[in-house]
Amino acid sequence: MIRGAYRVGLIVPSSNVTMETEIPELLRRREAALPERFTFHSSRARMRTVSAEELARMVEESDRCVVELADARVDVIAYACLVAIMTREHAAHRVAEERLARVAREHGADVPVVSSAGALVAALGALHARRVALVAPYVRAITAQVCDYIAAEGVEVVSAVSLEIADNVAVGRLDPQALRETYKRLDLSRADALVLSSCVQMPSLAAIQPVEDECGLPVLSAATATTWAILGALGLDPVVPGAGRLLAGVPALA
């Protein structure tokens, strides 16, 4: 491996286009200021709608995706489907990360595995956020499951907005700038942080810094949290310009 060059492996739903856009954009911003270089390598699992059946299939296919990424000898693997994990039992992200890391080792790649679900939970902890508000594209029942999962990790969701979109392709076509108005539907009076997009498919990067500047709270998303976790797993400082307080250098909790 070239010194300072890293291969990032992504496991994404087949209909997802956002994680392969926002994570590379974030790390390109980092490259403009720091010496590391990153390449991105994806494996896809079939998922078109955010339904119980398709989310379960996404989980089932994740082992096959890890094997493909192990063949590419990536340096870190990110399981980039938050809702597929957060609609399962409590602590499912830990189980998934450990299982996928084991599968990767069995196929010749002893590398760290992070998940968007685990990254979001860990990032909230690193920000010392005990109460959060969030925006989700999901139908209300799915959003409720996500809120319950976060609550089981010790973080109360004090306000949430559901956009009621089940079609994952449609989620990827949302205008991130619309979030600059959508978040105003939340009650932030008790929140320590704002999750502007709790979905890896809902674009939000263009709104993260402007909304943080406006509301005064730390603002993060599934994408910024996953990028933070990737950098931490690689042993790099979690610094990306213009991407909110989390990526201004917030270290992982010991």
C-alpha atoms as a PDB file:
ATOM      1  CA  MET A   1       0.000   0.000   0.000  1.00  0.00           C
ATOM      2  CA  ILE A   2       1.240   3.485  -0.834  1.00  0.00           C
ATOM      3  CA  ARG A   3       1.901   5.445   2.368  1.00  0.00           C
ATOM      4  CA  GLY A   4      -1.151   7.543   3.194  1.00  0.00           C
ATOM      5  CA  ALA A   5      -3.384   5.815   0.620  1.00  0.00           C
ATOM      6  CA  TYR A   6      -6.491   4.002   1.829  1.00  0.00           C
ATOM      7  CA  ARG A   7      -9.089   1.811   0.173  1.00  0.00           C
ATOM      8  CA  VAL A   8     -12.562   2.318   1.620  1.00  0.00           C
ATOM      9  CA  GLY A   9     -15.029  -0.518   1.119  1.00  0.00           C
ATOM     10  CA  LEU A  10     -18.748   0.297   1.165  1.00  0.00           C
ATOM     11  CA  ILE A  11     -21.679  -2.108   1.482  1.00  0.00           C
ATOM     12  CA  VAL A  12     -24.689  -0.238   0.107  1.00  0.00           C
ATOM     13  CA  PRO A  13     -28.290  -1.033  -0.827  1.00  0.00           C
ATOM     14  CA  SER A  14     -28.678  -1.522  -4.566  1.00  0.00           C
ATOM     15  CA  SER A  15     -30.854   1.601  -4.839  1.00  0.00           C
ATOM     16  CA  ASN A  16     -28.524   3.799  -2.785  1.00  0.00           C
ATOM     17  CA  VAL A  17     -26.609   6.530  -4.597  1.00  0.00           C
ATOM     18  CA  THR A  18     -25.951   8.944  -1.741  1.00  0.00           C
ATOM     19  CA  MET A  19     -23.253   7.208   0.303  1.00  0.00           C
ATOM     20  CA  GLU A  20     -21.084   6.825  -2.797  1.00  0.00           C
ATOM     21  CA  THR A  21     -21.531  10.567  -3.340  1.00  0.00           C
ATOM     22  CA  GLU A  22     -21.328  12.128   0.120  1.00  0.00           C
ATOM     23  CA  ILE A  23     -18.576  10.024   1.735  1.00  0.00           C
ATOM     24  CA  PRO A  24     -16.195  10.549  -1.226  1.00  0.00           C
ATOM     25  CA  GLU A  25     -17.027  14.265  -1.231  1.00  0.00           C
ATOM     26  CA  LEU A  26     -16.242  14.513   2.464  1.00  0.00           C
ATOM     27  CA  LEU A  27     -12.924  12.733   2.104  1.00  0.00           C
ATOM     28  CA  ARG A  28     -12.010  14.774  -0.987  1.00  0.00           C
ATOM     29  CA  ARG A  29     -12.432  17.880   1.177  1.00  0.00           C
ATOM     30  CA  ARG A  30     -10.013  16.304   3.632  1.00  0.00           C
ATOM     31  CA  GLU A  31      -7.541  15.506   0.848  1.00  0.00           C
ATOM     32  CA  ALA A  32      -7.449  19.200  -0.070  1.00  0.00           C
ATOM     33  CA  ALA A  33      -5.932  19.991   3.323  1.00  0.00           C
ATOM     34  CA  LEU A  34      -4.217  16.775   4.437  1.00  0.00           C
ATOM     35  CA  PRO A  35      -1.857  14.296   2.751  1.00  0.00           C
ATOM     36  CA  GLU A  36      -4.008  11.122   2.750  1.00  0.00           C
ATOM     37  CA  ARG A  37      -5.651   9.777  -0.379  1.00  0.00           C
ATOM     38  CA  PHE A  38      -8.743   7.565  -0.537  1.00  0.00           C
ATOM     39  CA  THR A  39     -10.329   5.318  -3.135  1.00  0.00           C
ATOM     40  CA  PHE A  40     -13.827   3.844  -2.835  1.00  0.00           C
ATOM     41  CA  HIS A  41     -14.998   0.338  -3.643  1.00  0.00           C
ATOM     42  CA  SER A  42     -18.618  -0.794  -3.309  1.00  0.00           C
ATOM     43  CA  SER A  43     -20.589  -3.996  -3.120  1.00  0.00           C
ATOM     44  CA  ARG A  44     -24.369  -3.816  -3.431  1.00  0.00           C
ATOM     45  CA  ALA A  45     -27.182  -5.738  -1.764  1.00  0.00           C
ATOM     46  CA  ARG A  46     -30.630  -5.737  -3.332  1.00  0.00           C
ATOM     47  CA  MET A  47     -33.027  -3.236  -1.739  1.00  0.00           C
ATOM     48  CA  ARG A  48     -35.498  -0.955  -3.463  1.00  0.00           C
ATOM     49  CA  THR A  49     -38.085  -0.121  -0.798  1.00  0.00           C
ATOM     50  CA  VAL A  50     -37.753   0.389   2.938  1.00  0.00           C
ATOM     51  CA  SER A  51     -39.863  -2.600   3.954  1.00  0.00           C
ATOM     52  CA  ALA A  52     -39.310  -5.339   6.526  1.00  0.00           C
ATOM     53  CA  GLU A  53     -38.817  -7.962   3.807  1.00  0.00           C
ATOM     54  CA  GLU A  54     -36.260  -6.016   1.800  1.00  0.00           C
ATOM     55  CA  LEU A  55     -34.373  -4.850   4.882  1.00  0.00           C
ATOM     56  CA  ALA A  56     -34.077  -8.467   6.045  1.00  0.00           C
ATOM     57  CA  ARG A  57     -32.739  -9.449   2.626  1.00  0.00           C
ATOM     58  CA  MET A  58     -30.190  -6.634   2.838  1.00  0.00           C
ATOM     59  CA  VAL A  59     -28.884  -8.111   6.087  1.00  0.00           C
ATOM     60  CA  GLU A  60     -28.748 -11.609   4.592  1.00  0.00           C
ATOM     61  CA  GLU A  61     -26.716 -10.431   1.609  1.00  0.00           C
ATOM     62  CA  SER A  62     -24.176  -8.480   3.654  1.00  0.00           C
ATOM     63  CA  ASP A  63     -21.879 -11.492   4.161  1.00  0.00           C
ATOM     64  CA  ARG A  64     -21.544 -11.925   0.407  1.00  0.00           C
ATOM     65  CA  CYS A  65     -20.757  -8.217   0.068  1.00  0.00           C
ATOM     66  CA  VAL A  66     -17.963  -8.468   2.641  1.00  0.00           C
ATOM     67  CA  VAL A  67     -16.404 -11.382   0.773  1.00  0.00           C
ATOM     68  CA  GLU A  68     -16.330  -9.295  -2.417  1.00  0.00           C
ATOM     69  CA  LEU A  69     -14.702  -6.360  -0.607  1.00  0.00           C
ATOM     70  CA  ALA A  70     -12.185  -8.684   1.062  1.00  0.00           C
ATOM     71  CA  ASP A  71     -11.072  -9.706  -2.424  1.00  0.00           C
ATOM     72  CA  ALA A  72     -10.304  -6.039  -3.128  1.00  0.00           C
ATOM     73  CA  ARG A  73      -8.116  -5.899   0.002  1.00  0.00           C
ATOM     74  CA  VAL A  74      -9.762  -2.763   1.305  1.00  0.00           C
ATOM     75  CA  ASP A  75      -8.449  -1.131   4.496  1.00  0.00           C
ATOM     76  CA  VAL A  76     -11.826  -0.544   6.152  1.00  0.00           C
ATOM     77  CA  ILE A  77     -15.396  -1.669   5.436  1.00  0.00           C
ATOM     78  CA  ALA A  78     -18.477   0.470   6.124  1.00  0.00           C
ATOM     79  CA  TYR A  79     -21.866  -1.226   6.227  1.00  0.00           C
ATOM     80  CA  ALA A  80     -23.884   1.705   4.931  1.00  0.00           C
ATOM     81  CA  CYS A  81     -27.505   0.825   5.626  1.00  0.00           C
ATOM     82  CA  LEU A  82     -28.578   2.315   8.932  1.00  0.00           C
ATOM     83  CA  VAL A  83     -32.236   1.321   8.863  1.00  0.00           C
ATOM     84  CA  ALA A  84     -31.540  -2.343   8.054  1.00  0.00           C
ATOM     85  CA  ILE A  85     -29.857  -2.563  11.461  1.00  0.00           C
ATOM     86  CA  MET A  86     -31.923  -0.143  13.524  1.00  0.00           C
ATOM     87  CA  THR A  87     -35.149  -1.998  12.729  1.00  0.00           C
ATOM     88  CA  ARG A  88     -33.714  -5.115  14.363  1.00  0.00           C
ATOM     89  CA  GLU A  89     -33.027  -5.978  17.997  1.00  0.00           C
ATOM     90  CA  HIS A  90     -31.086  -3.675  20.324  1.00  0.00           C
ATOM     91  CA  ALA A  91     -27.316  -3.720  19.781  1.00  0.00           C
ATOM     92  CA  ALA A  92     -27.722  -5.288  16.331  1.00  0.00           C
ATOM     93  CA  HIS A  93     -24.966  -3.018  15.004  1.00  0.00           C
ATOM     94  CA  ARG A  94     -22.424  -4.622  17.327  1.00  0.00           C
ATOM     95  CA  VAL A  95     -23.468  -8.103  16.251  1.00  0.00           C
ATOM     96  CA  ALA A  96     -23.334  -7.146  12.570  1.00  0.00           C
ATOM     97  CA  GLU A  97     -19.937  -5.440  12.807  1.00  0.00           C
ATOM     98  CA  GLU A  98     -18.400  -8.401  14.638  1.00  0.00           C
ATOM     99  CA  ARG A  99     -19.896 -10.940  12.209  1.00  0.00           C
ATOM    100  CA  LEU A 100     -18.813  -9.059   9.111  1.00  0.00           C
ATOM    101  CA  ALA A 101     -15.294  -8.520  10.487  1.00  0.00           C
ATOM    102  CA  ARG A 102     -15.059 -12.266  11.114  1.00  0.00           C
ATOM    103  CA  VAL A 103     -16.213 -13.060   7.577  1.00  0.00           C
ATOM    104  CA  ALA A 104     -13.658 -10.598   6.191  1.00  0.00           C
ATOM    105  CA  ARG A 105     -10.863 -12.262   8.217  1.00  0.00           C
ATOM    106  CA  GLU A 106     -11.918 -15.691   6.978  1.00  0.00           C
ATOM    107  CA  HIS A 107     -11.429 -14.394   3.435  1.00  0.00           C
ATOM    108  CA  GLY A 108      -8.026 -12.825   3.959  1.00  0.00           C
ATOM    109  CA  ALA A 109      -8.881  -9.269   5.029  1.00  0.00           C
ATOM    110  CA  ASP A 110      -8.272  -8.554   8.719  1.00  0.00           C
ATOM    111  CA  VAL A 111      -9.733  -5.037   8.609  1.00  0.00           C
ATOM    112  CA  PRO A 112     -12.068  -2.954  10.785  1.00  0.00           C
ATOM    113  CA  VAL A 113     -15.781  -2.960   9.989  1.00  0.00           C
ATOM    114  CA  VAL A 114     -18.000  -0.026  10.931  1.00  0.00           C
ATOM    115  CA  SER A 115     -21.711   0.446  10.338  1.00  0.00           C
ATOM    116  CA  SER A 116     -23.727   3.596   9.769  1.00  0.00           C
ATOM    117  CA  ALA A 117     -26.000   2.565  12.647  1.00  0.00           C
ATOM    118  CA  GLY A 118     -23.103   2.071  15.042  1.00  0.00           C
ATOM    119  CA  ALA A 119     -21.378   5.207  13.770  1.00  0.00           C
ATOM    120  CA  LEU A 120     -24.409   7.385  14.482  1.00  0.00           C
ATOM    121  CA  VAL A 121     -24.781   6.009  18.003  1.00  0.00           C
ATOM    122  CA  ALA A 122     -21.049   6.407  18.705  1.00  0.00           C
ATOM    123  CA  ALA A 123     -20.959   9.912  17.246  1.00  0.00           C
ATOM    124  CA  LEU A 124     -23.806  11.047  19.482  1.00  0.00           C
ATOM    125  CA  GLY A 125     -21.870   9.674  22.432  1.00  0.00           C
ATOM    126  CA  ALA A 126     -18.705  11.480  21.367  1.00  0.00           C
ATOM    127  CA  LEU A 127     -20.704  14.712  21.141  1.00  0.00           C
ATOM    128  CA  HIS A 128     -22.083  14.042  24.650  1.00  0.00           C
ATOM    129  CA  ALA A 129     -25.593  14.305  23.246  1.00  0.00           C
ATOM    130  CA  ARG A 130     -28.174  12.761  25.565  1.00  0.00           C
ATOM    131  CA  ARG A 131     -31.207  14.231  23.790  1.00  0.00           C
ATOM    132  CA  VAL A 132     -31.491  14.606  20.012  1.00  0.00           C
ATOM    133  CA  ALA A 133     -33.893  15.697  17.310  1.00  0.00           C
ATOM    134  CA  LEU A 134     -33.867  13.989  13.937  1.00  0.00           C
ATOM    135  CA  VAL A 135     -35.228  14.096  10.405  1.00  0.00           C
ATOM    136  CA  ALA A 136     -36.022  10.788   8.681  1.00  0.00           C
ATOM    137  CA  PRO A 137     -37.406  10.056   5.220  1.00  0.00           C
ATOM    138  CA  TYR A 138     -39.155   6.895   6.451  1.00  0.00           C
ATOM    139  CA  VAL A 139     -42.796   6.199   7.155  1.00  0.00           C
ATOM    140  CA  ARG A 140     -43.644   6.901  10.778  1.00  0.00           C
ATOM    141  CA  ALA A 141     -43.551   3.276  11.913  1.00  0.00           C
ATOM    142  CA  ILE A 142     -39.971   2.869  10.653  1.00  0.00           C
ATOM    143  CA  THR A 143     -38.921   6.200  12.174  1.00  0.00           C
ATOM    144  CA  ALA A 144     -40.363   5.046  15.501  1.00  0.00           C
ATOM    145  CA  GLN A 145     -38.183   1.925  15.351  1.00  0.00           C
ATOM    146  CA  VAL A 146     -35.103   4.045  14.664  1.00  0.00           C
ATOM    147  CA  CYS A 147     -35.958   6.325  17.585  1.00  0.00           C
ATOM    148  CA  ASP A 148     -36.463   3.318  19.875  1.00  0.00           C
ATOM    149  CA  TYR A 149     -33.095   1.877  18.808  1.00  0.00           C
ATOM    150  CA  ILE A 150     -31.307   5.146  19.573  1.00  0.00           C
ATOM    151  CA  ALA A 151     -33.151   5.406  22.903  1.00  0.00           C
ATOM    152  CA  ALA A 152     -31.984   1.907  23.844  1.00  0.00           C
ATOM    153  CA  GLU A 153     -28.441   3.255  23.458  1.00  0.00           C
ATOM    154  CA  GLY A 154     -29.162   5.901  26.083  1.00  0.00           C
ATOM    155  CA  VAL A 155     -30.035   8.830  23.804  1.00  0.00           C
ATOM    156  CA  GLU A 156     -33.563  10.228  23.973  1.00  0.00           C
ATOM    157  CA  VAL A 157     -35.133  11.379  20.704  1.00  0.00           C
ATOM    158  CA  VAL A 158     -37.079  14.437  21.820  1.00  0.00           C
ATOM    159  CA  SER A 159     -38.447  15.433  18.409  1.00  0.00           C
ATOM    160  CA  ALA A 160     -38.650  13.697  15.013  1.00  0.00           C
ATOM    161  CA  VAL A 161     -39.953  14.436  11.536  1.00  0.00           C
ATOM    162  CA  SER A 162     -40.932  11.615   9.147  1.00  0.00           C
ATOM    163  CA  LEU A 163     -41.151  12.456   5.450  1.00  0.00           C
ATOM    164  CA  GLU A 164     -43.238   9.317   4.804  1.00  0.00           C
ATOM    165  CA  ILE A 165     -41.272   8.057   1.766  1.00  0.00           C
ATOM    166  CA  ALA A 166     -40.989   4.283   1.348  1.00  0.00           C
ATOM    167  CA  ASP A 167     -39.400   4.266  -2.137  1.00  0.00           C
ATOM    168  CA  ASN A 168     -35.628   4.330  -1.575  1.00  0.00           C
ATOM    169  CA  VAL A 169     -34.984   5.652  -5.097  1.00  0.00           C
ATOM    170  CA  ALA A 170     -37.224   8.633  -4.370  1.00  0.00           C
ATOM    171  CA  VAL A 171     -35.344   9.295  -1.133  1.00  0.00           C
ATOM    172  CA  GLY A 172     -32.089   9.629  -3.075  1.00  0.00           C
ATOM    173  CA  ARG A 173     -33.656  12.306  -5.282  1.00  0.00           C
ATOM    174  CA  LEU A 174     -34.588  14.636  -2.426  1.00  0.00           C
ATOM    175  CA  ASP A 175     -33.104  18.130  -2.471  1.00  0.00           C
ATOM    176  CA  PRO A 176     -30.691  18.491   0.476  1.00  0.00           C
ATOM    177  CA  GLN A 177     -31.320  22.230   0.572  1.00  0.00           C
ATOM    178  CA  ALA A 178     -34.947  21.516   1.508  1.00  0.00           C
ATOM    179  CA  LEU A 179     -33.659  20.327   4.882  1.00  0.00           C
ATOM    180  CA  ARG A 180     -32.828  23.931   5.724  1.00  0.00           C
ATOM    181  CA  GLU A 181     -36.584  24.444   6.084  1.00  0.00           C
ATOM    182  CA  THR A 182     -37.616  20.927   7.122  1.00  0.00           C
ATOM    183  CA  TYR A 183     -35.572  20.995  10.327  1.00  0.00           C
ATOM    184  CA  LYS A 184     -37.590  24.004  11.516  1.00  0.00           C
ATOM    185  CA  ARG A 185     -40.528  21.636  12.041  1.00  0.00           C
ATOM    186  CA  LEU A 186     -38.574  20.091  14.928  1.00  0.00           C
ATOM    187  CA  ASP A 187     -38.687  21.222  18.538  1.00  0.00           C
ATOM    188  CA  LEU A 188     -35.034  21.821  19.368  1.00  0.00           C
ATOM    189  CA  SER A 189     -35.631  23.348  22.797  1.00  0.00           C
ATOM    190  CA  ARG A 190     -34.450  20.209  24.647  1.00  0.00           C
ATOM    191  CA  ALA A 191     -32.046  18.809  22.047  1.00  0.00           C
ATOM    192  CA  ASP A 192     -28.275  18.556  22.455  1.00  0.00           C
ATOM    193  CA  ALA A 193     -27.735  17.716  18.767  1.00  0.00           C
ATOM    194  CA  LEU A 194     -29.605  17.482  15.483  1.00  0.00           C
ATOM    195  CA  VAL A 195     -29.477  14.478  13.163  1.00  0.00           C
ATOM    196  CA  LEU A 196     -30.362  16.196   9.909  1.00  0.00           C
ATOM    197  CA  SER A 197     -30.537  12.924   7.961  1.00  0.00           C
ATOM    198  CA  SER A 198     -30.883   9.649   9.834  1.00  0.00           C
ATOM    199  CA  CYS A 199     -30.857   7.775   6.504  1.00  0.00           C
ATOM    200  CA  VAL A 200     -27.807   6.923   4.411  1.00  0.00           C
ATOM    201  CA  GLN A 201     -29.825   7.562   1.237  1.00  0.00           C
ATOM    202  CA  MET A 202     -31.272  10.989   2.089  1.00  0.00           C
ATOM    203  CA  PRO A 203     -28.877  13.690   0.791  1.00  0.00           C
ATOM    204  CA  SER A 204     -27.982  16.276   3.416  1.00  0.00           C
ATOM    205  CA  LEU A 205     -24.325  17.250   3.113  1.00  0.00           C
ATOM    206  CA  ALA A 206     -24.993  20.638   1.497  1.00  0.00           C
ATOM    207  CA  ALA A 207     -27.180  21.611   4.461  1.00  0.00           C
ATOM    208  CA  ILE A 208     -25.098  20.304   7.383  1.00  0.00           C
ATOM    209  CA  GLN A 209     -22.882  23.338   8.016  1.00  0.00           C
ATOM    210  CA  PRO A 210     -25.517  26.003   7.188  1.00  0.00           C
ATOM    211  CA  VAL A 211     -28.065  24.427   9.532  1.00  0.00           C
ATOM    212  CA  GLU A 212     -25.465  24.044  12.284  1.00  0.00           C
ATOM    213  CA  ASP A 213     -24.476  27.683  11.904  1.00  0.00           C
ATOM    214  CA  GLU A 214     -28.131  28.710  12.083  1.00  0.00           C
ATOM    215  CA  CYS A 215     -29.439  26.548  14.926  1.00  0.00           C
ATOM    216  CA  GLY A 216     -26.311  26.521  17.102  1.00  0.00           C
ATOM    217  CA  LEU A 217     -26.445  22.775  17.840  1.00  0.00           C
ATOM    218  CA  PRO A 218     -24.031  20.132  16.546  1.00  0.00           C
ATOM    219  CA  VAL A 219     -25.559  18.862  13.289  1.00  0.00           C
ATOM    220  CA  LEU A 220     -24.701  15.458  11.865  1.00  0.00           C
ATOM    221  CA  SER A 221     -26.044  12.843   9.500  1.00  0.00           C
ATOM    222  CA  ALA A 222     -25.673   9.156   8.762  1.00  0.00           C
ATOM    223  CA  ALA A 223     -23.037  10.108   6.169  1.00  0.00           C
ATOM    224  CA  THR A 224     -20.967  12.415   8.375  1.00  0.00           C
ATOM    225  CA  ALA A 225     -21.124   9.913  11.247  1.00  0.00           C
ATOM    226  CA  THR A 226     -20.013   7.082   8.946  1.00  0.00           C
ATOM    227  CA  THR A 227     -17.123   9.191   7.639  1.00  0.00           C
ATOM    228  CA  TRP A 228     -16.128   9.994  11.235  1.00  0.00           C
ATOM    229  CA  ALA A 229     -16.151   6.270  12.056  1.00  0.00           C
ATOM    230  CA  ILE A 230     -14.147   5.385   8.930  1.00  0.00           C
ATOM    231  CA  LEU A 231     -11.449   7.896   9.834  1.00  0.00           C
ATOM    232  CA  GLY A 232     -11.329   6.633  13.402  1.00  0.00           C
ATOM    233  CA  ALA A 233     -11.065   3.010  12.251  1.00  0.00           C
ATOM    234  CA  LEU A 234      -8.107   3.991  10.056  1.00  0.00           C
ATOM    235  CA  GLY A 235      -6.403   5.712  12.984  1.00  0.00           C
ATOM    236  CA  LEU A 236      -6.794   9.162  11.432  1.00  0.00           C
ATOM    237  CA  ASP A 237      -7.956  12.363  13.092  1.00  0.00           C
ATOM    238  CA  PRO A 238     -11.666  12.933  12.344  1.00  0.00           C
ATOM    239  CA  VAL A 239     -11.215  16.235  10.535  1.00  0.00           C
ATOM    240  CA  VAL A 240     -13.129  17.371   7.433  1.00  0.00           C
ATOM    241  CA  PRO A 241     -13.630  21.087   6.710  1.00  0.00           C
ATOM    242  CA  GLY A 242     -17.147  22.508   6.589  1.00  0.00           C
ATOM    243  CA  ALA A 243     -18.979  19.365   7.676  1.00  0.00           C
ATOM    244  CA  GLY A 244     -20.220  20.202  11.143  1.00  0.00           C
ATOM    245  CA  ARG A 245     -18.817  19.981  14.645  1.00  0.00           C
ATOM    246  CA  LEU A 246     -18.437  16.185  14.602  1.00  0.00           C
ATOM    247  CA  LEU A 247     -15.854  16.356  11.821  1.00  0.00           C
ATOM    248  CA  ALA A 248     -14.057  19.321  13.334  1.00  0.00           C
ATOM    249  CA  GLY A 249     -11.906  16.881  15.288  1.00  0.00           C
ATOM    250  CA  VAL A 250     -14.206  15.138  17.792  1.00  0.00           C
ATOM    251  CA  PRO A 251     -12.319  11.991  18.877  1.00  0.00           C
ATOM    252  CA  ALA A 252     -13.944   8.637  19.461  1.00  0.00           C
ATOM    253  CA  LEU A 253     -14.814   7.796  23.056  1.00  0.00           C
ATOM    254  CA  ALA A 254     -12.275   5.555  24.786  1.00  0.00           C
END
